[in-house]
Protein backbone atom coordinates (compact mmCIF):
# COMPACT_ATOMS: atom_id res chain seq x y z
CA MET A 1 -109.85 41.32 -21.97
CA ALA A 2 -108.19 40.42 -18.65
CA ALA A 3 -107.36 36.94 -19.93
CA LYS A 4 -105.75 38.40 -23.05
CA ALA A 5 -103.66 40.81 -20.98
CA GLU A 6 -102.51 38.00 -18.70
CA GLU A 7 -101.56 35.87 -21.70
CA GLN A 8 -99.53 38.74 -23.14
CA ARG A 9 -97.84 39.33 -19.78
CA GLN A 10 -96.91 35.66 -19.56
CA GLU A 11 -95.49 35.67 -23.10
CA GLU A 12 -93.35 38.71 -22.29
CA PHE A 13 -92.14 37.07 -19.06
CA GLU A 14 -91.19 33.90 -20.94
CA GLU A 15 -89.29 35.85 -23.58
CA ARG A 16 -87.37 38.04 -21.16
CA THR A 17 -86.47 35.33 -18.65
CA THR A 18 -85.81 32.27 -20.84
CA PRO A 19 -81.98 32.63 -20.95
CA PHE A 20 -81.72 32.87 -17.15
CA ARG A 21 -84.25 30.14 -16.43
CA THR A 22 -82.74 27.77 -18.99
CA ASN A 23 -79.19 28.18 -17.74
CA ALA A 24 -80.24 28.04 -14.10
CA PHE A 25 -82.08 24.76 -14.60
CA ARG A 26 -79.22 23.22 -16.58
CA ILE A 27 -76.61 24.22 -13.99
CA ILE A 28 -78.69 22.97 -11.05
CA ASN A 29 -79.33 19.69 -12.83
CA LYS A 30 -75.62 19.28 -13.63
CA MET A 31 -74.65 19.97 -10.01
CA MET A 32 -77.07 17.30 -8.86
CA GLN A 33 -75.57 14.82 -11.34
CA LEU A 34 -72.02 15.65 -10.27
CA ASN A 35 -72.93 15.26 -6.62
CA HIS A 36 -74.60 11.91 -7.20
CA SER A 37 -71.53 10.70 -9.09
CA SER A 38 -69.33 11.18 -6.03
CA ALA A 39 -68.53 8.36 -3.64
CA ASN A 40 -68.85 10.96 -0.87
CA PRO A 41 -71.61 13.38 -1.91
CA THR A 42 -71.59 16.90 -0.49
CA THR A 43 -74.90 18.59 0.19
CA GLN A 44 -73.30 21.92 1.07
CA LEU A 45 -72.31 22.95 -2.48
CA VAL A 46 -75.70 22.02 -3.92
CA ASP A 47 -77.43 23.91 -1.11
CA GLU A 48 -75.23 26.95 -1.72
CA ILE A 49 -75.68 27.08 -5.49
CA LEU A 50 -79.45 26.80 -5.14
CA HIS A 51 -79.53 29.83 -2.85
CA SER A 52 -77.14 31.82 -5.06
CA ILE A 53 -79.18 31.13 -8.20
CA PHE A 54 -82.51 31.78 -6.50
CA PHE A 55 -81.18 35.09 -5.13
CA LEU A 56 -80.02 36.19 -8.59
CA GLY A 57 -83.43 35.23 -9.93
CA ARG A 58 -85.02 37.34 -7.21
CA ILE A 59 -83.02 40.43 -8.28
CA SER A 60 -83.66 39.90 -11.99
CA THR A 61 -86.01 42.12 -13.97
CA PRO A 62 -88.65 40.79 -13.92
CA PRO A 63 -88.11 38.67 -10.78
CA ILE A 64 -87.80 34.92 -11.37
CA SER A 65 -88.98 32.53 -8.66
CA PRO A 66 -87.51 29.08 -7.87
CA GLU A 67 -90.71 27.58 -9.29
CA ASP A 68 -90.08 29.45 -12.57
CA ILE A 69 -86.58 27.94 -12.70
CA VAL A 70 -87.29 24.36 -11.61
CA ASN A 71 -90.48 23.78 -13.54
CA VAL A 72 -90.42 19.99 -13.24
CA LYS A 73 -92.69 19.20 -10.31
CA ASP A 74 -91.01 16.00 -9.13
CA MET A 75 -87.60 17.67 -9.18
CA LEU A 76 -88.93 20.78 -7.45
CA ASP A 77 -90.56 18.72 -4.69
CA ALA A 78 -87.37 16.70 -4.18
CA LEU A 79 -85.22 19.83 -3.95
CA LYS A 80 -87.60 21.46 -1.45
CA LEU A 81 -87.47 18.32 0.68
CA CYS A 82 -83.67 17.90 0.59
CA TYR A 83 -82.67 21.58 0.51
CA PRO A 84 -85.44 23.61 2.19
CA LEU A 85 -83.36 26.59 3.33
CA PRO A 86 -82.50 28.08 -0.09
CA PHE A 87 -86.23 28.23 -0.86
CA GLU A 88 -86.90 29.98 2.45
CA ARG A 89 -84.00 32.44 2.57
CA TYR A 90 -83.32 33.63 -0.98
CA LEU A 91 -85.80 36.47 -0.33
CA SER A 92 -83.95 37.84 2.68
CA GLN A 93 -80.30 36.70 2.71
CA LEU A 94 -77.33 37.45 0.44
CA PRO A 95 -75.06 34.81 -1.08
CA ARG A 96 -71.33 35.10 -0.47
CA ARG A 97 -70.40 34.20 -4.05
CA SER A 98 -71.89 33.66 -7.49
CA PRO A 99 -73.07 30.25 -8.77
CA PHE A 100 -70.20 29.11 -10.97
CA SER A 101 -67.82 29.31 -8.02
CA CYS A 102 -69.85 26.45 -6.53
CA VAL A 103 -69.48 24.49 -9.77
CA LEU A 104 -65.71 25.06 -9.60
CA ASP A 105 -65.54 23.81 -6.00
CA MET A 106 -67.53 20.72 -6.94
CA ILE A 107 -65.06 19.89 -9.72
CA VAL A 108 -62.07 20.48 -7.42
CA PHE A 109 -63.76 18.25 -4.83
CA LEU A 110 -64.27 15.47 -7.40
CA LYS A 111 -60.94 15.72 -9.25
CA GLY A 112 -58.52 16.71 -6.50
CA ARG A 113 -56.80 20.07 -6.09
CA GLU A 114 -53.61 19.01 -7.87
CA LYS A 115 -55.40 18.08 -11.14
CA GLU A 116 -55.29 21.54 -12.72
CA ASN A 117 -55.72 20.46 -16.34
CA GLU A 118 -58.52 18.04 -15.53
CA ILE A 119 -60.36 20.71 -13.54
CA LYS A 120 -60.09 23.25 -16.35
CA GLN A 121 -61.10 20.69 -18.98
CA LYS A 122 -64.09 19.53 -16.94
CA LEU A 123 -65.34 23.11 -16.56
CA GLN A 124 -65.00 23.61 -20.32
CA GLU A 125 -66.75 20.30 -20.93
CA ILE A 126 -69.69 21.34 -18.75
CA ILE A 127 -69.99 24.67 -20.56
CA ARG A 128 -70.02 22.92 -23.95
CA GLU A 129 -72.35 20.13 -22.80
CA LEU A 130 -74.88 22.59 -21.39
CA ASP A 131 -74.53 24.86 -24.44
CA LEU A 132 -73.56 27.86 -22.31
CA ASP A 133 -72.17 30.99 -23.92
CA LYS A 134 -69.84 33.39 -22.11
CA ARG A 135 -72.37 36.19 -22.65
CA ASP A 136 -75.15 34.12 -21.07
CA PRO A 137 -76.39 34.65 -17.50
CA LEU A 138 -74.80 32.59 -14.70
CA VAL A 139 -71.76 31.56 -16.77
CA SER A 140 -68.14 32.39 -15.91
CA SER A 141 -65.90 33.32 -18.80
CA THR A 142 -62.50 32.84 -17.16
CA PHE A 143 -60.66 30.47 -14.82
CA CYS A 144 -57.54 31.31 -12.82
CA VAL A 145 -54.82 29.34 -11.02
CA SER A 146 -52.57 30.86 -8.33
CA GLN A 147 -49.51 29.16 -6.82
CA LYS A 148 -46.68 30.10 -4.49
CA ASN A 149 -44.26 28.07 -6.60
CA PRO A 150 -44.50 25.29 -9.23
CA ASN A 151 -44.48 22.56 -6.56
CA SER A 152 -47.01 24.09 -4.19
CA ALA A 153 -50.76 23.73 -3.88
CA ARG A 154 -52.96 25.29 -6.54
CA TYR A 155 -55.79 27.68 -5.76
CA TYR A 156 -58.53 28.34 -8.25
CA GLY A 157 -61.07 30.99 -9.09
CA VAL A 158 -63.63 31.85 -11.74
CA SER A 159 -65.04 35.18 -12.85
CA MET A 160 -68.35 36.47 -11.49
CA SER A 161 -71.26 34.49 -12.93
CA THR A 162 -74.29 36.72 -12.55
CA SER A 163 -77.00 37.85 -14.94
CA SER A 164 -76.33 41.49 -15.77
CA LYS A 165 -74.40 44.59 -14.73
CA VAL A 166 -76.25 45.54 -11.55
CA PRO A 167 -76.37 42.01 -10.06
CA ARG A 168 -72.63 41.79 -10.76
CA LYS A 169 -72.05 44.98 -8.78
CA ILE A 170 -74.17 43.57 -5.96
CA MET A 171 -72.13 40.37 -5.82
CA VAL A 172 -68.81 42.25 -5.89
CA ALA A 173 -69.94 44.52 -3.05
CA ALA A 174 -71.24 41.57 -1.01
CA SER A 175 -67.97 39.68 -1.55
CA CYS A 176 -65.99 42.63 -0.16
CA LEU A 177 -67.75 42.42 3.20
CA PRO A 178 -66.29 40.21 5.96
CA GLY A 179 -66.75 36.49 5.46
CA SER A 180 -66.23 36.11 1.72
CA TRP A 181 -62.95 37.23 0.12
CA ASP A 182 -59.72 37.39 2.09
CA SER A 183 -59.54 40.80 3.80
CA TYR A 184 -56.43 41.94 1.86
CA VAL A 185 -58.10 41.05 -1.44
CA ALA A 186 -61.32 42.74 -0.36
CA GLY A 187 -59.30 45.82 0.62
CA ALA A 188 -57.69 45.97 -2.80
CA VAL A 189 -61.10 45.83 -4.49
CA MET A 190 -62.57 48.41 -2.09
CA THR A 191 -59.83 50.85 -3.16
CA PHE A 192 -61.94 51.52 -6.24
CA ASN A 193 -65.49 52.76 -6.56
CA GLN A 194 -68.00 50.89 -8.67
CA ASN A 195 -67.62 53.51 -11.40
CA THR A 196 -63.93 52.38 -11.50
CA SER A 197 -62.61 55.66 -10.01
CA LYS A 198 -60.11 55.36 -7.17
CA LYS A 199 -61.01 56.42 -3.63
CA PRO A 200 -58.86 59.42 -2.67
CA TYR A 201 -58.65 58.43 1.01
CA PHE A 202 -57.89 54.67 0.89
CA ASP A 203 -55.44 52.43 -0.97
CA GLY A 204 -55.50 48.73 -0.12
CA THR A 205 -53.92 47.52 -3.36
CA ILE A 206 -51.31 44.80 -3.00
CA LYS A 207 -48.37 43.41 -4.95
CA LEU A 208 -47.96 39.67 -5.31
CA PRO A 209 -44.40 38.42 -4.75
CA GLN A 210 -42.48 37.65 -7.95
CA HIS A 211 -42.39 33.92 -7.20
CA VAL A 212 -46.19 33.72 -7.10
CA THR A 213 -47.95 32.84 -10.34
CA CYS A 214 -51.49 33.95 -11.14
CA GLN A 215 -52.57 32.76 -14.57
CA ALA A 216 -56.03 33.12 -16.11
CA TYR A 217 -57.50 31.05 -18.94
CA SER A 218 -60.58 31.38 -21.07
CA LEU A 219 -63.27 28.79 -20.32
CA HIS A 220 -64.53 29.07 -23.87
CA GLY A 221 -63.09 28.13 -27.23
CA GLU A 222 -59.63 26.58 -26.94
CA GLY A 223 -59.10 27.69 -23.35
CA ALA A 224 -56.26 30.08 -24.21
CA GLN A 225 -54.14 31.82 -21.60
CA MET A 226 -55.30 35.34 -20.85
CA ASP A 227 -53.29 38.35 -19.77
CA PRO A 228 -54.57 40.17 -16.69
CA CYS A 229 -56.82 43.11 -17.45
CA LYS A 230 -55.85 46.61 -16.34
CA SER A 231 -58.01 46.27 -13.22
CA CYS A 232 -56.15 43.15 -12.03
CA VAL A 233 -52.78 44.75 -12.79
CA GLU A 234 -53.77 47.64 -10.51
CA LEU A 235 -55.22 45.40 -7.78
CA PHE A 236 -52.38 42.88 -7.49
CA GLY A 237 -49.34 44.35 -9.24
CA LEU A 238 -49.49 41.72 -11.97
CA GLY A 239 -47.43 42.19 -15.12
CA GLY A 240 -49.36 43.03 -18.25
CA ASP A 241 -50.26 45.82 -20.63
CA ASP A 242 -53.83 44.89 -21.54
CA THR A 243 -55.86 48.08 -21.78
CA LYS A 244 -59.23 46.44 -21.06
CA ARG A 245 -60.64 47.31 -17.66
CA PHE A 246 -63.41 45.30 -16.01
CA LEU A 247 -65.36 46.00 -12.82
CA TYR A 248 -62.88 45.64 -9.96
CA GLY A 249 -63.58 42.28 -8.35
CA ASN A 250 -65.21 40.70 -11.40
CA CYS A 251 -62.23 38.70 -12.67
CA ALA A 252 -61.19 35.13 -11.85
CA GLU A 253 -57.86 36.37 -10.47
CA VAL A 254 -59.65 37.90 -7.47
CA GLU A 255 -61.21 34.67 -6.24
CA SER A 256 -58.05 32.70 -7.00
CA VAL A 257 -55.74 35.06 -5.07
CA SER A 258 -58.23 35.20 -2.20
CA ASN A 259 -58.23 31.41 -1.93
CA LEU A 260 -54.41 31.38 -1.98
CA PHE A 261 -54.20 33.96 0.81
CA LYS A 262 -56.70 32.09 2.97
CA LYS A 263 -54.40 29.07 3.03
CA ASP A 264 -50.89 30.54 2.71
CA THR A 265 -50.24 33.14 5.39
CA GLU A 266 -46.60 33.57 4.32
CA VAL A 267 -47.52 34.72 0.81
CA ARG A 268 -50.35 36.80 2.23
CA GLU A 269 -48.04 38.74 4.53
CA GLN A 270 -45.47 39.23 1.76
CA ALA A 271 -48.20 40.85 -0.34
CA ARG A 272 -49.75 43.02 2.39
CA PRO A 273 -50.75 46.56 1.40
CA THR A 274 -48.09 49.20 2.04
CA SER A 275 -49.79 52.50 1.24
CA GLU A 276 -49.89 55.14 3.98
CA LEU A 277 -53.59 55.48 3.16
CA CYS A 278 -54.24 51.88 4.26
CA THR A 279 -55.14 52.62 7.86
CA PRO A 280 -57.85 50.89 9.94
CA GLU A 281 -59.89 54.11 10.00
CA ASN A 282 -59.70 54.59 6.23
CA ARG A 283 -60.54 50.96 5.64
CA ARG A 284 -63.64 51.25 7.82
CA ARG A 285 -64.65 54.28 5.77
CA ALA A 286 -64.12 52.36 2.52
CA GLU A 287 -66.12 49.41 3.81
CA GLU A 288 -69.00 51.66 4.84
CA SER A 289 -68.94 53.14 1.34
CA VAL A 290 -69.30 49.62 -0.06
CA ARG A 291 -72.18 48.94 2.34
CA ASP A 292 -73.90 52.12 1.15
CA ASP A 293 -73.43 51.05 -2.47
CA LEU A 294 -74.87 47.65 -1.68
CA ARG A 295 -77.88 49.12 0.14
CA ASN A 296 -78.65 51.41 -2.77
CA LEU A 297 -78.31 48.63 -5.34
CA LEU A 298 -80.55 46.28 -3.37
CA LYS A 299 -83.20 48.98 -3.04
CA ILE A 300 -83.57 48.89 -6.83
CA PHE A 301 -85.05 45.41 -6.42
CA LYS A 302 -86.86 46.13 -3.12
CA PHE A 303 -84.61 43.60 -1.41
CA PRO A 304 -84.16 43.97 2.40
CA SER A 305 -81.12 46.20 2.82
CA ASP A 306 -81.21 47.73 6.30
CA ASP A 307 -79.22 44.93 7.90
CA PHE A 308 -77.31 42.45 5.76
CA HIS A 309 -77.67 38.77 6.47
CA PHE A 310 -75.51 36.31 4.56
CA TYR A 311 -76.69 32.83 3.77
CA ILE A 312 -74.88 29.94 5.45
CA PRO A 313 -75.31 26.72 3.43
CA SER A 314 -76.30 23.62 5.35
CA ALA A 315 -73.68 20.90 5.56
């Protein structure tokens, strides 16, 4: 009887976790291949994506262990030897970003920041090659490019690549805390609650200067240009009349604008928030609200939430 029950439990686990485990393994394997193809391999991005994926497995329902994901013993042993920290710390530390952002950085590293079309095409190629669907776990659906002007450096971003609604909220909240997104971008996102209502006491929304471009593209199908959703219009003052609204912080524009601001202080200061509600005290209150949200979400999965520790990938 016990053996039959265990067999049934295992069958249910396999059925419920196959999409995540399959995509996780494919993405890890592809990152290893990309890294090995480089004349100057980078261990940091592989280390980071392993931790991010293992963390998202940990907060899945049911939980998925690294051994469930990497079920090829030789590969598992090699990863544990070369990248021990993700295996040790996915149970106690938060990632600063979701997995496909690491894939994006790997492609930018390999192609060069100025090769916008090649970067976009390579991301689409990977998605097709790995047979990833935009509704699948761990897959980004959009890609964004931000520039100060047509001759300036390009800064990229992809949409949150998690596994379901609650993990996405966890990653957005974690990204708002110091050390991930640029503080102005984080402030804009923290203006809104996770139920998409606006905080009555804080407004950190910003308006990008007219000369700055921020263009999103689909990573699926023909890679068509995409208008900003209503959330991004409200966060960054982008032009558009799309009525769709996604979780604030989910879209590729957020990561792209954050990366632009981190490198271009002139554009950042031109876009600084101007609301009278954007005071240091109100911002601290908004950030504590985000911390409370994050604590409560992590408690759902019995993940340590009293004191947040963020994972630092090994170089």
